[in-house]
Structures are given as structure tokens and as C-alpha cells.
Amino acid sequence: MSRSSASQSHGSVDQDAEQLRALGYSSNFNRSMSLWENFSLGFTYLSPVVGVYTLFGLCLAAGGPPMFWSYLLIGCGQLLVCLVFGEIVSQYPISGGVYPWARRLVGKRWAWMVGWVYAWALCATIAGVAVGAGPYLSAMLGFAASSDASIYIALVLILLSTCLNLVGTKLLARVAMFGFLCELIGAILVGGYLLMFERHQPLSVLFDTFGLNSHGSYLPAFLAASLAGLFQYYGFEACGDVAEETPNPGRRIPKAMRMTIYIGGAAAMFACLALILSVPDIQKVLAGEDTDPVSTILANAFGPVGSKLVMAVVMVSFISCVLSLQAAASRLLFAYARDEMIVGSGLLRRLSTNQVPSIALLVSGVIPAAIVCLGLFMADAVATIVGFAAIGIYIAFQLIVIAALIARVRGWRPTGQFTLGGWGLLVNLGALVYGIGAIINMVWPRTPDAAWYINYSMILTTVVVMGAGFVYMLLAKPYDKGTAPYGDAWKQAAPRPQSTPGAMELAE
């Protein structure tokens, strides 16, 4: 690095530290994560290969080939949420993402609930992704897949991720970048090969519903199949979780978030398109005769040796995905603890000599590992808890979208380096409408023959998590222990209005 560029870099870090001090914080994080490394963290968290390969068979059977279009529609909806988040993080580039944003936009109680929901959702997601890696490693190494084997593989994966994260931000950034390159190149090479040499379906199949109609309408089948996209397009918020580890975060992080949606979404759509057009017999998938079309496609296209190489790329995607998820969870716990919002704050806010929140990282490994271990005793428990993962993340997202709307009504005008200007309110409202619709679609019961607690498992787990959070919040009042700033986003623009019943009760 030249003396001039080093001086510019040092000046940027000084400005970032001064901005953070103005927001009421100081930080000892290593601010070394470049734009592309920050983006890679969000990309590997989103992980198009993990998302597409894991849910492809289920969603193709539910909605047929037109399920492909759900990726485009949901990507547009999530882009609205991403733009709202970009405005917020540009003004408040604070580690922990959604929790500190909620604190500054609305208040302490709202922020506490956002952090509570999002922390549990992240832990459940780490457990779910780690367990999902089991069948792919089994296929790669050539041994029979089983639920117990998947559990042991998940525990090893979580341990590996924890050890890598403890080394420091630089290694996290490098592994995330390596995972991004492997995943993107792998998706392009595998998808390109399938489209050129293993294509069995015409492009017109993307519009063929194969008679999947309910009472004369294809919409219910399409909404069920759209879960593939709904479980795909989050991860961009992880870019903001490491805001204090990224130089010039007010400009870089909103850009990295948008890149995550654009590049991650394009990669997911390309991978899905290649798989759909390579299915030898779609009718067998719809009839339930081929329950794992991804394995069928890869075995036909690459043979036993080639398919194992593809599985190796998929495993890299799983590892980097767990690594990024755990990094996001640990930074959330750190931010929570720095404001004294949780038991054990003194330990959780400590940074190691490697400048990472080591205790928070250990906790974000132990809790997912405990969730995984439940599968050894209660087979349905892990599936039920993991079912909360996506809905919890969407709820946390919408609490931020609502928080931004509350702040706008009170007079907040974004002042970061990235703003939407006059479009801000319209985009915010669009993000709210999309998010509410997505949540309703996710929790909608679709198995009438199953027990009621199976049909409503997402709602039940959400009620349990949020109910426990409310009880703890009201009895212990953890939000009152810290002195960090809160609810000040709008104060520079307008005087504070009187609180009103309902959502505003959480403001203080």
C-alpha cells in the first residue's frame, strides 16, 4: 500500500471513529473489512446454493416449474426492505444491525424485543443450516444419510465455525470471500453445464402449471411454492451487523446490501432455472416418486465422481453460511450487551485480543448446538424450532420497517450518505405491505390432514418466543439498565409527540 493510500485509509478510520463517538459509542473492533468482503458476508449468509438446493424438491413438487418466478417477485419485495435498511445503517453504522437501529428509531423497549426475536431466529437458523448440511456431506463421502448422522455433522460444523470466527475479523472476511467465490463460480459452472448438456425441458415449462389447481386457481400452489424465495432473500442485513469493522460504513454498507440482493438473487434464479430445465421427468416429482430431484439431476449429469465434486462446493457454501450467520448473531449479542440489555452483559461485550466478541461467539455456538442436540431425543423438536427461523427473521425485519415509519411520522429525515429522498416514505410503505403479505404466506396452514400444532407450528413458536420476551422484559426491565442513546432519530427534525396506545407503548 502506498503512503498516500495508507494515509487516506487512516483518515477514513479516524472519521468513522469520530462518527461512532458522536453516536455515543467507542469501538475496539478491527476496521479492516472491504466493500467486497462485507458484501461476501451478506452473500454467504443469503447463500443461494444452500437455499435453492435445500428447498428445490419441496417447492417444485408444491407449485411446479412456475415456482421460478417467485424468486423474482420476492427479490423485488425484499429489495424494498433492503433500501429502508440502507437508509438506517447509513445514519447509524453501529454493530448489531437491527437492534441498535430500532433503539435509535423508536426506543429501548422496541429495540429490546427486536433483539430478542432476531437473536433466537439467528440461533434457530444456524441450527437449521448446520443440520441441512448432513445429507450433502453424506453424499459427498458416500455413507448413508440419517438423522443422527446429520446431527453429529451439524455439531462439528458449528464447532468449526466457532473456531474460525474466534480467529478474528480478517479470517472471517477471507473465508466469506472464499465462500462467495466458490459458491458463485460453482453455481455458474454447474448451472451452465446443466443448461448446455443436461437440459430436458423447454423454457415454456416455466409457465406450465401441470394442472396444480385448487378450486380452479393456481395461486394457492404458487404461494406454497414461493416459500423457496421467502427462505432465500435475507442476509443483506448481516452487512450492517459488522458496521464497526468496515471503513466508511455509511456509504459502503448500503451498497453491499443492495449487491447482496442483486448478485445473490441472480445466482439463486440462475441455479433454480438450471435445475428446473434439467429435471428428467417433472411428473415424477409432482407425483412424489422423485423426492430428491437435485440428487437425481446431479447423478445423471456428473456421475458418481462429478456429483461428489459438486457436493464439495455445496459443503463450502454451508460452512461459509454458518460462519456468516454466527458472526451476525455474535455482533447482535455484543451490541445487546454493550447497552446492558441482557444477563451477562459484562462478559458478552468483551472483545478478545483478536478484536472479536469471543464470549458472544461461544454463546452463538452453544445455543444452536443445544437446539441441534434436541434432535437426539425429540425428532420433531428441531424441525419445529427451525421453523421459527425464517418467520422470526421476517418479524424482526418488519419491526424495523415499522420503526422507520414511526420515526418518519415523528419527523425523522435520514441524514446518512445513502438516502431515498422523496421516495423514502413510499418505499417504506411498500416494504411494510410486502413484509406483512410474506409473513401471512409463511404461517398459512397447508396440511389440513396434519395435527393442528403442526399446521400452526410457526405461529406457536412465534407466540412462545415473543411471549417469553414480553414477560422477561416487563418483569426484569433489562432495557432500563443501560444509558446509551435511544429514540433520537427524529429529535433533530421535530419535537416529540405524545405517546399513543398500541405500538407506541414500546417506544420508551
Protein backbone atom coordinates (compact mmCIF):
# COMPACT_ATOMS: atom_id res chain seq x y z
CA MET A 1 0.00 0.00 0.00
CA SER A 2 1.38 3.46 -0.93
CA ARG A 3 1.93 6.15 1.71
CA SER A 4 -0.89 8.21 0.17
CA SER A 5 -3.45 5.37 0.21
CA ALA A 6 -2.41 4.38 3.74
CA SER A 7 -2.91 7.98 4.87
CA GLN A 8 -6.35 8.08 3.24
CA SER A 9 -7.28 4.80 4.89
CA HIS A 10 -6.14 6.08 8.29
CA GLY A 11 -8.13 9.28 7.78
CA SER A 12 -11.24 7.29 6.90
CA VAL A 13 -10.87 5.18 10.06
CA ASP A 14 -10.48 8.35 12.14
CA GLN A 15 -13.65 9.79 10.63
CA ASP A 16 -15.51 6.53 11.27
CA ALA A 17 -14.38 6.52 14.90
CA GLU A 18 -15.47 10.14 15.28
CA GLN A 19 -18.88 9.36 13.77
CA LEU A 20 -19.27 6.44 16.18
CA ARG A 21 -18.33 8.64 19.15
CA ALA A 22 -20.95 11.16 18.03
CA LEU A 23 -23.48 8.31 18.16
CA GLY A 24 -22.49 7.57 21.75
CA TYR A 25 -20.10 4.64 21.31
CA SER A 26 -16.43 3.80 21.06
CA SER A 27 -15.16 0.60 19.49
CA ASN A 28 -12.05 -1.53 19.50
CA PHE A 29 -13.07 -3.64 16.51
CA ASN A 30 -10.57 -4.07 13.70
CA ARG A 31 -11.94 -1.93 10.88
CA SER A 32 -10.44 -3.97 8.04
CA MET A 33 -13.40 -5.33 6.06
CA SER A 34 -13.52 -4.07 2.47
CA LEU A 35 -16.70 -3.45 0.47
CA TRP A 36 -16.44 -6.82 -1.28
CA GLU A 37 -15.67 -8.64 1.95
CA ASN A 38 -18.64 -7.00 3.62
CA PHE A 39 -20.82 -7.97 0.66
CA SER A 40 -19.44 -11.53 0.80
CA LEU A 41 -20.62 -11.82 4.39
CA GLY A 42 -24.16 -10.95 3.31
CA PHE A 43 -23.95 -13.17 0.23
CA THR A 44 -22.80 -16.25 2.12
CA TYR A 45 -25.46 -15.61 4.78
CA LEU A 46 -28.07 -15.47 1.98
CA SER A 47 -26.28 -18.41 0.29
CA PRO A 48 -28.20 -19.00 -2.94
CA VAL A 49 -26.79 -22.53 -3.33
CA VAL A 50 -27.87 -23.57 0.17
CA GLY A 51 -31.31 -22.01 -0.25
CA VAL A 52 -32.04 -23.32 -3.74
CA TYR A 53 -30.65 -26.84 -3.32
CA THR A 54 -32.29 -27.37 0.08
CA LEU A 55 -35.82 -26.35 -0.92
CA PHE A 56 -35.90 -27.10 -4.64
CA GLY A 57 -37.55 -30.52 -4.50
CA LEU A 58 -40.17 -29.48 -1.95
CA CYS A 59 -41.20 -26.30 -3.76
CA LEU A 60 -41.12 -27.84 -7.25
CA ALA A 61 -43.49 -30.54 -6.02
CA ALA A 62 -45.75 -27.90 -4.45
CA GLY A 63 -46.01 -25.46 -7.35
CA GLY A 64 -44.36 -26.91 -10.42
CA PRO A 65 -41.88 -25.02 -12.64
CA PRO A 66 -43.58 -21.58 -12.30
CA MET A 67 -42.16 -21.51 -8.77
CA PHE A 68 -39.15 -19.97 -10.52
CA TRP A 69 -40.95 -16.63 -10.77
CA SER A 70 -41.34 -16.40 -7.00
CA TYR A 71 -37.61 -15.66 -6.77
CA LEU A 72 -38.06 -12.56 -8.93
CA LEU A 73 -41.18 -11.29 -7.15
CA ILE A 74 -39.84 -11.86 -3.65
CA GLY A 75 -36.48 -10.38 -4.61
CA CYS A 76 -38.26 -7.15 -5.59
CA GLY A 77 -40.13 -7.13 -2.29
CA GLN A 78 -37.00 -7.72 -0.24
CA LEU A 79 -35.21 -5.00 -2.19
CA LEU A 80 -37.71 -2.51 -0.71
CA VAL A 81 -36.79 -3.72 2.78
CA CYS A 82 -33.10 -3.55 1.86
CA LEU A 83 -33.46 0.09 0.75
CA VAL A 84 -35.10 1.03 4.05
CA PHE A 85 -32.31 -0.73 5.95
CA GLY A 86 -29.74 1.07 3.81
CA GLU A 87 -31.05 4.48 4.88
CA ILE A 88 -30.95 3.47 8.53
CA VAL A 89 -27.49 1.88 8.61
CA SER A 90 -26.04 4.81 6.68
CA GLN A 91 -27.07 7.12 9.52
CA TYR A 92 -26.46 4.59 12.31
CA PRO A 93 -23.49 2.37 11.33
CA ILE A 94 -23.41 0.55 14.68
CA SER A 95 -22.54 -3.12 15.26
CA GLY A 96 -25.52 -5.37 15.87
CA GLY A 97 -27.73 -4.28 13.00
CA VAL A 98 -31.43 -4.39 13.70
CA TYR A 99 -31.18 -3.92 17.49
CA PRO A 100 -29.34 -0.55 17.54
CA TRP A 101 -31.40 0.66 14.57
CA ALA A 102 -34.63 0.00 16.48
CA ARG A 103 -33.17 1.69 19.56
CA ARG A 104 -32.42 4.92 17.72
CA LEU A 105 -35.59 4.96 15.60
CA VAL A 106 -38.16 4.22 18.32
CA GLY A 107 -36.86 3.37 21.77
CA LYS A 108 -35.48 0.92 24.29
CA ARG A 109 -38.43 -1.47 24.66
CA TRP A 110 -38.97 -1.78 20.93
CA ALA A 111 -35.26 -2.40 20.45
CA TRP A 112 -35.17 -5.00 23.20
CA MET A 113 -37.95 -7.01 21.55
CA VAL A 114 -36.33 -6.75 18.12
CA GLY A 115 -33.05 -8.02 19.53
CA TRP A 116 -34.77 -10.85 21.43
CA VAL A 117 -36.69 -12.12 18.39
CA TYR A 118 -33.79 -11.75 15.99
CA ALA A 119 -31.28 -13.45 18.31
CA TRP A 120 -33.46 -16.55 18.68
CA ALA A 121 -34.21 -16.55 14.94
CA LEU A 122 -30.49 -16.45 14.14
CA CYS A 123 -29.72 -19.30 16.55
CA ALA A 124 -32.51 -21.37 15.01
CA THR A 125 -31.21 -20.56 11.52
CA ILE A 126 -27.67 -21.62 12.43
CA ALA A 127 -29.05 -24.92 13.74
CA GLY A 128 -31.21 -25.44 10.65
CA VAL A 129 -28.45 -24.74 8.14
CA ALA A 130 -25.97 -26.92 10.04
CA VAL A 131 -28.41 -29.86 10.14
CA GLY A 132 -29.23 -29.32 6.46
CA ALA A 133 -25.59 -29.90 5.56
CA GLY A 134 -25.74 -33.53 6.73
CA PRO A 135 -27.24 -35.17 3.63
CA TYR A 136 -24.81 -33.35 1.32
CA LEU A 137 -21.75 -34.41 3.30
CA SER A 138 -23.12 -37.96 3.41
CA ALA A 139 -23.49 -37.93 -0.38
CA MET A 140 -20.02 -36.46 -0.82
CA LEU A 141 -18.33 -39.05 1.41
CA GLY A 142 -20.52 -41.93 0.29
CA PHE A 143 -22.16 -43.05 3.52
CA ALA A 144 -25.86 -43.45 4.29
CA ALA A 145 -27.63 -40.31 5.43
CA SER A 146 -29.54 -40.50 8.71
CA SER A 147 -30.99 -38.08 11.23
CA ASP A 148 -28.35 -38.95 13.84
CA ALA A 149 -25.52 -38.54 11.31
CA SER A 150 -26.90 -35.12 10.33
CA ILE A 151 -26.92 -34.08 13.98
CA TYR A 152 -23.30 -35.08 14.53
CA ILE A 153 -22.26 -33.37 11.30
CA ALA A 154 -24.12 -30.22 12.39
CA LEU A 155 -22.30 -30.17 15.73
CA VAL A 156 -18.91 -30.48 14.02
CA LEU A 157 -19.87 -27.73 11.57
CA ILE A 158 -20.90 -25.37 14.39
CA LEU A 159 -17.66 -26.11 16.26
CA LEU A 160 -15.60 -25.43 13.13
CA SER A 161 -17.43 -22.18 12.51
CA THR A 162 -16.90 -21.03 16.10
CA CYS A 163 -13.17 -21.75 15.92
CA LEU A 164 -12.80 -19.86 12.63
CA ASN A 165 -14.79 -16.88 13.92
CA LEU A 166 -12.67 -16.67 17.06
CA VAL A 167 -9.52 -16.11 14.97
CA GLY A 168 -10.65 -12.62 14.01
CA THR A 169 -12.34 -10.32 11.52
CA LYS A 170 -9.67 -10.75 8.83
CA LEU A 171 -10.14 -14.51 8.69
CA LEU A 172 -13.92 -14.11 8.75
CA ALA A 173 -13.68 -11.73 5.78
CA ARG A 174 -11.34 -14.05 3.87
CA VAL A 175 -13.45 -17.15 4.47
CA ALA A 176 -16.58 -15.22 3.48
CA MET A 177 -14.87 -14.05 0.29
CA PHE A 178 -13.64 -17.58 -0.46
CA GLY A 179 -17.14 -18.95 0.16
CA PHE A 180 -18.64 -16.30 -2.11
CA LEU A 181 -16.23 -17.09 -4.95
CA CYS A 182 -16.70 -20.85 -4.61
CA GLU A 183 -20.46 -20.53 -4.45
CA LEU A 184 -20.79 -18.09 -7.34
CA ILE A 185 -18.32 -19.87 -9.61
CA GLY A 186 -19.80 -23.23 -8.67
CA ALA A 187 -23.33 -22.05 -9.37
CA ILE A 188 -22.30 -20.64 -12.75
CA LEU A 189 -20.28 -23.70 -13.80
CA VAL A 190 -22.81 -26.27 -12.60
CA GLY A 191 -25.78 -24.30 -13.91
CA GLY A 192 -24.07 -23.60 -17.22
CA TYR A 193 -23.16 -27.26 -17.72
CA LEU A 194 -26.70 -28.37 -16.91
CA LEU A 195 -28.20 -25.87 -19.35
CA MET A 196 -25.83 -26.84 -22.15
CA PHE A 197 -25.66 -30.62 -21.79
CA GLU A 198 -28.42 -31.85 -19.46
CA ARG A 199 -31.42 -29.83 -20.48
CA HIS A 200 -34.59 -31.92 -20.66
CA GLN A 201 -37.28 -29.22 -20.53
CA PRO A 202 -38.13 -26.27 -22.80
CA LEU A 203 -38.23 -22.71 -21.47
CA SER A 204 -42.01 -22.78 -21.84
CA VAL A 205 -42.15 -25.19 -18.89
CA LEU A 206 -41.68 -22.16 -16.64
CA PHE A 207 -45.28 -21.25 -17.43
CA ASP A 208 -46.72 -24.77 -17.23
CA THR A 209 -48.70 -25.37 -14.01
CA PHE A 210 -49.16 -29.11 -14.75
CA GLY A 211 -52.74 -28.89 -13.54
CA LEU A 212 -51.82 -27.87 -9.98
CA ASN A 213 -55.07 -26.02 -9.38
CA SER A 214 -57.12 -25.70 -6.22
CA HIS A 215 -60.79 -24.83 -6.88
CA GLY A 216 -59.78 -23.71 -10.35
CA SER A 217 -56.92 -21.45 -9.21
CA TYR A 218 -53.18 -21.99 -9.41
CA LEU A 219 -52.49 -19.21 -6.86
CA PRO A 220 -52.52 -21.43 -3.70
CA ALA A 221 -49.95 -23.77 -5.26
CA PHE A 222 -47.77 -20.84 -6.33
CA LEU A 223 -47.91 -19.26 -2.87
CA ALA A 224 -46.90 -22.58 -1.30
CA ALA A 225 -44.00 -22.93 -3.75
CA SER A 226 -42.91 -19.33 -3.12
CA LEU A 227 -41.54 -20.42 0.23
CA ALA A 228 -38.34 -21.14 -1.74
CA GLY A 229 -37.90 -17.42 -2.35
CA LEU A 230 -39.12 -16.39 1.10
CA PHE A 231 -36.45 -18.53 2.74
CA GLN A 232 -33.84 -17.17 0.32
CA TYR A 233 -33.75 -13.39 0.41
CA TYR A 234 -32.38 -12.44 3.78
CA GLY A 235 -28.77 -11.99 4.65
CA PHE A 236 -28.29 -8.44 3.43
CA GLU A 237 -28.80 -7.17 6.99
CA ALA A 238 -25.66 -9.09 8.05
CA CYS A 239 -23.63 -6.46 6.19
CA GLY A 240 -24.77 -3.97 8.83
CA ASP A 241 -24.02 -6.29 11.75
CA VAL A 242 -20.29 -5.66 11.23
CA ALA A 243 -20.61 -1.90 10.66
CA GLU A 244 -17.83 -1.14 13.15
CA GLU A 245 -15.49 -3.48 11.29
CA THR A 246 -15.95 -1.79 7.89
CA PRO A 247 -14.30 1.51 6.85
CA ASN A 248 -16.68 4.22 5.60
CA PRO A 249 -19.73 2.13 6.58
CA GLY A 250 -22.29 4.85 5.86
CA ARG A 251 -21.53 4.56 2.15
CA ARG A 252 -20.22 1.02 1.76
CA ILE A 253 -22.77 -0.99 3.73
CA PRO A 254 -25.93 0.21 1.91
CA LYS A 255 -24.13 -0.59 -1.35
CA ALA A 256 -23.07 -4.04 -0.09
CA MET A 257 -26.66 -4.72 0.99
CA ARG A 258 -28.00 -3.93 -2.48
CA MET A 259 -25.25 -6.01 -4.08
CA THR A 260 -26.33 -8.94 -1.92
CA ILE A 261 -29.86 -8.73 -3.31
CA TYR A 262 -28.77 -8.21 -6.92
CA ILE A 263 -25.97 -10.78 -7.15
CA GLY A 264 -27.40 -13.27 -4.66
CA GLY A 265 -30.82 -13.11 -6.28
CA ALA A 266 -29.41 -13.51 -9.78
CA ALA A 267 -27.31 -16.50 -8.68
CA ALA A 268 -30.32 -18.13 -7.00
CA MET A 269 -32.53 -17.63 -10.06
CA PHE A 270 -29.84 -18.99 -12.38
CA ALA A 271 -29.33 -22.08 -10.19
CA CYS A 272 -33.09 -22.66 -9.96
CA LEU A 273 -33.56 -22.23 -13.73
CA ALA A 274 -30.79 -24.72 -14.49
CA LEU A 275 -32.28 -27.30 -12.12
CA ILE A 276 -35.84 -26.91 -13.44
CA LEU A 277 -34.79 -27.32 -17.06
CA SER A 278 -32.65 -30.34 -16.14
CA VAL A 279 -35.35 -32.36 -14.38
CA PRO A 280 -35.77 -35.53 -16.49
CA ASP A 281 -39.41 -36.14 -15.51
CA ILE A 282 -41.30 -33.36 -13.72
CA GLN A 283 -44.41 -35.52 -13.40
CA LYS A 284 -42.49 -37.92 -11.16
CA VAL A 285 -41.55 -35.04 -8.87
CA LEU A 286 -45.14 -33.80 -8.71
CA ALA A 287 -46.39 -37.32 -8.01
CA GLY A 288 -43.90 -37.81 -5.19
CA GLU A 289 -42.00 -40.57 -6.97
CA ASP A 290 -38.80 -38.50 -7.15
CA THR A 291 -38.45 -36.85 -3.74
CA ASP A 292 -34.89 -35.63 -4.28
CA PRO A 293 -34.70 -34.23 -7.82
CA VAL A 294 -31.44 -32.37 -7.09
CA SER A 295 -29.58 -35.64 -6.41
CA THR A 296 -31.20 -37.20 -9.47
CA ILE A 297 -30.08 -34.32 -11.69
CA LEU A 298 -26.52 -34.22 -10.37
CA ALA A 299 -26.09 -38.01 -10.58
CA ASN A 300 -27.36 -38.05 -14.18
CA ALA A 301 -25.24 -35.09 -15.22
CA PHE A 302 -21.94 -35.68 -13.46
CA GLY A 303 -21.88 -39.32 -12.43
CA PRO A 304 -20.71 -40.54 -9.03
CA VAL A 305 -17.35 -38.71 -9.05
CA GLY A 306 -18.52 -35.44 -10.57
CA SER A 307 -21.57 -35.20 -8.31
CA LYS A 308 -19.29 -35.54 -5.28
CA LEU A 309 -17.24 -32.58 -6.50
CA VAL A 310 -20.45 -30.57 -6.78
CA MET A 311 -21.37 -31.66 -3.26
CA ALA A 312 -17.98 -30.39 -2.08
CA VAL A 313 -18.83 -26.92 -3.44
CA VAL A 314 -22.22 -27.14 -1.72
CA MET A 315 -20.46 -28.01 1.56
CA VAL A 316 -18.25 -24.93 1.23
CA SER A 317 -21.48 -22.94 0.87
CA PHE A 318 -22.91 -24.50 4.04
CA ILE A 319 -19.73 -23.82 6.03
CA SER A 320 -19.47 -20.18 4.93
CA CYS A 321 -23.20 -19.72 5.53
CA VAL A 322 -22.96 -20.96 9.13
CA LEU A 323 -19.85 -18.81 9.64
CA SER A 324 -21.65 -15.66 8.47
CA LEU A 325 -24.78 -16.43 10.49
CA GLN A 326 -22.74 -16.94 13.65
CA ALA A 327 -20.82 -13.71 13.05
CA ALA A 328 -24.13 -11.84 12.74
CA ALA A 329 -25.51 -13.45 15.91
CA SER A 330 -22.39 -12.66 17.94
CA ARG A 331 -22.39 -8.99 16.89
CA LEU A 332 -26.05 -8.73 17.85
CA LEU A 333 -25.31 -10.21 21.29
CA PHE A 334 -22.34 -7.86 21.64
CA ALA A 335 -24.46 -4.80 20.82
CA TYR A 336 -27.19 -6.02 23.17
CA ALA A 337 -24.65 -6.47 25.97
CA ARG A 338 -22.85 -3.19 25.33
CA ASP A 339 -26.11 -1.43 26.20
CA GLU A 340 -26.60 -3.75 29.23
CA MET A 341 -29.77 -5.23 27.77
CA ILE A 342 -29.13 -8.87 28.69
CA VAL A 343 -27.92 -11.08 31.53
CA GLY A 344 -24.15 -11.50 31.44
CA SER A 345 -23.58 -8.22 29.62
CA GLY A 346 -20.17 -7.77 31.23
CA LEU A 347 -18.92 -10.95 29.57
CA LEU A 348 -20.78 -10.75 26.28
CA ARG A 349 -19.47 -7.28 25.45
CA ARG A 350 -15.81 -8.21 25.91
CA LEU A 351 -13.55 -8.24 22.88
CA SER A 352 -10.70 -10.73 22.73
CA THR A 353 -7.13 -9.91 21.80
CA ASN A 354 -8.21 -10.76 18.23
CA GLN A 355 -10.78 -7.94 18.48
CA VAL A 356 -13.85 -10.16 18.25
CA PRO A 357 -16.61 -10.70 20.86
CA SER A 358 -15.32 -14.11 21.93
CA ILE A 359 -17.88 -14.89 24.65
CA ALA A 360 -20.73 -13.81 22.39
CA LEU A 361 -19.32 -16.08 19.68
CA LEU A 362 -19.21 -19.01 22.07
CA VAL A 363 -22.82 -18.40 23.13
CA SER A 364 -23.90 -18.15 19.48
CA GLY A 365 -22.33 -21.58 19.01
CA VAL A 366 -23.58 -23.26 22.20
CA ILE A 367 -27.27 -22.31 21.78
CA PRO A 368 -27.56 -23.60 18.16
CA ALA A 369 -25.66 -26.74 19.21
CA ALA A 370 -28.17 -27.28 22.03
CA ILE A 371 -31.05 -26.90 19.56
CA VAL A 372 -29.39 -29.45 17.28
CA CYS A 373 -28.92 -31.89 20.18
CA LEU A 374 -32.67 -31.87 20.85
CA GLY A 375 -32.95 -33.96 17.69
CA LEU A 376 -31.31 -36.86 19.51
CA PHE A 377 -34.28 -37.04 21.88
CA MET A 378 -37.20 -35.36 20.10
CA ALA A 379 -37.14 -35.72 16.32
CA ASP A 380 -39.85 -33.13 15.69
CA ALA A 381 -38.43 -30.57 18.10
CA VAL A 382 -35.62 -29.41 15.83
CA ALA A 383 -37.94 -29.09 12.82
CA THR A 384 -40.40 -27.05 14.90
CA ILE A 385 -37.72 -24.74 16.30
CA VAL A 386 -36.04 -24.32 12.92
CA GLY A 387 -39.45 -23.46 11.51
CA PHE A 388 -39.28 -20.33 13.64
CA ALA A 389 -36.02 -19.28 11.99
CA ALA A 390 -37.41 -17.66 8.85
CA ILE A 391 -40.59 -16.28 10.41
CA GLY A 392 -38.57 -14.80 13.28
CA ILE A 393 -36.23 -13.03 10.87
CA TYR A 394 -39.16 -11.66 8.85
CA ILE A 395 -40.87 -10.42 12.02
CA ALA A 396 -37.66 -8.71 13.17
CA PHE A 397 -37.35 -7.11 9.72
CA GLN A 398 -40.89 -5.81 9.84
CA LEU A 399 -40.38 -4.40 13.33
CA ILE A 400 -37.57 -2.30 11.78
CA VAL A 401 -39.75 -1.31 8.82
CA ILE A 402 -42.49 -0.23 11.24
CA ALA A 403 -39.90 1.55 13.40
CA ALA A 404 -38.76 3.55 10.37
CA LEU A 405 -42.37 4.52 9.63
CA ILE A 406 -42.92 5.60 13.25
CA ALA A 407 -39.75 7.67 13.13
CA ARG A 408 -40.80 9.27 9.81
CA VAL A 409 -44.19 10.21 11.25
CA ARG A 410 -42.39 11.81 14.19
CA GLY A 411 -40.22 13.83 11.85
CA TRP A 412 -37.17 11.68 11.07
CA ARG A 413 -35.40 12.57 7.86
CA PRO A 414 -32.49 10.27 7.04
CA THR A 415 -29.17 12.12 7.05
CA GLY A 416 -26.70 9.38 6.13
CA GLN A 417 -24.66 9.16 2.95
CA PHE A 418 -27.39 6.99 1.41
CA THR A 419 -30.96 8.29 1.37
CA LEU A 420 -34.05 7.69 -0.75
CA GLY A 421 -35.09 11.33 -0.66
CA GLY A 422 -38.74 11.85 -1.50
CA TRP A 423 -39.18 8.16 -2.28
CA GLY A 424 -38.41 7.15 1.29
CA LEU A 425 -41.97 7.06 2.64
CA LEU A 426 -43.36 5.28 -0.43
CA VAL A 427 -40.61 2.62 -0.33
CA ASN A 428 -41.14 2.22 3.43
CA LEU A 429 -44.87 1.62 2.94
CA GLY A 430 -44.20 -0.82 0.10
CA ALA A 431 -41.75 -2.74 2.31
CA LEU A 432 -44.42 -2.97 5.04
CA VAL A 433 -47.12 -4.26 2.69
CA TYR A 434 -44.73 -6.81 1.20
CA GLY A 435 -43.49 -7.96 4.61
CA ILE A 436 -46.95 -8.46 6.08
CA GLY A 437 -48.00 -10.43 2.99
CA ALA A 438 -44.87 -12.59 3.21
CA ILE A 439 -45.45 -13.38 6.89
CA ILE A 440 -49.09 -14.34 6.25
CA ASN A 441 -47.99 -16.61 3.41
CA MET A 442 -45.36 -18.29 5.59
CA VAL A 443 -47.68 -19.07 8.50
CA TRP A 444 -50.69 -20.10 6.38
CA PRO A 445 -51.67 -23.73 7.23
CA ARG A 446 -51.30 -26.00 4.20
CA THR A 447 -51.62 -29.54 5.58
CA PRO A 448 -55.27 -29.97 6.64
CA ASP A 449 -54.77 -33.66 7.47
CA ALA A 450 -51.95 -32.94 9.93
CA ALA A 451 -52.39 -32.19 13.64
CA TRP A 452 -53.27 -28.57 14.46
CA TYR A 453 -49.96 -27.96 16.21
CA ILE A 454 -48.13 -28.98 13.02
CA ASN A 455 -50.22 -26.64 10.88
CA TYR A 456 -49.69 -23.74 13.25
CA SER A 457 -46.16 -24.54 14.45
CA MET A 458 -44.71 -21.25 13.14
CA ILE A 459 -47.39 -19.23 14.92
CA LEU A 460 -46.96 -21.27 18.11
CA THR A 461 -43.18 -20.85 18.23
CA THR A 462 -43.53 -17.14 17.49
CA VAL A 463 -46.05 -16.71 20.31
CA VAL A 464 -43.81 -18.64 22.71
CA VAL A 465 -40.67 -16.65 21.83
CA MET A 466 -42.32 -13.24 21.82
CA GLY A 467 -44.49 -14.07 24.86
CA ALA A 468 -41.44 -15.14 26.87
CA GLY A 469 -39.67 -11.99 25.75
CA PHE A 470 -42.54 -9.75 26.86
CA VAL A 471 -42.74 -11.43 30.26
CA TYR A 472 -38.99 -11.16 30.81
CA MET A 473 -38.96 -7.58 29.57
CA LEU A 474 -41.80 -6.48 31.85
CA LEU A 475 -40.58 -8.30 34.97
CA ALA A 476 -36.81 -7.75 34.75
CA LYS A 477 -36.89 -4.42 32.84
CA PRO A 478 -33.49 -5.08 31.20
CA TYR A 479 -34.00 -2.11 28.88
CA ASP A 480 -33.67 0.32 31.82
CA LYS A 481 -30.16 -0.68 32.88
CA GLY A 482 -28.08 0.97 30.16
CA THR A 483 -27.59 4.66 29.42
CA ALA A 484 -26.94 4.52 25.67
CA PRO A 485 -28.90 6.97 23.47
CA TYR A 486 -32.33 5.91 22.24
CA GLY A 487 -35.32 7.27 20.33
CA ASP A 488 -33.36 10.24 19.00
CA ALA A 489 -33.68 9.75 15.23
CA TRP A 490 -36.46 12.31 14.96
CA LYS A 491 -35.37 14.80 17.65
CA GLN A 492 -33.32 16.97 15.34
CA ALA A 493 -36.26 17.44 12.99
CA ALA A 494 -39.33 17.79 15.19
CA PRO A 495 -40.46 17.90 18.82
CA ARG A 496 -41.54 14.62 20.36
CA PRO A 497 -45.29 13.88 20.17
CA GLN A 498 -47.26 12.32 23.00
CA SER A 499 -47.23 8.51 23.07
CA THR A 500 -50.34 6.77 21.90
CA PRO A 501 -51.66 3.31 22.83
CA GLY A 502 -50.69 0.29 20.79
CA ALA A 503 -47.38 0.08 19.01
CA MET A 504 -46.14 3.33 20.54
CA GLU A 505 -46.21 1.78 24.04
CA LEU A 506 -42.90 0.11 23.23
CA ALA A 507 -41.20 3.39 22.39
CA GLU A 508 -39.72 4.09 25.83
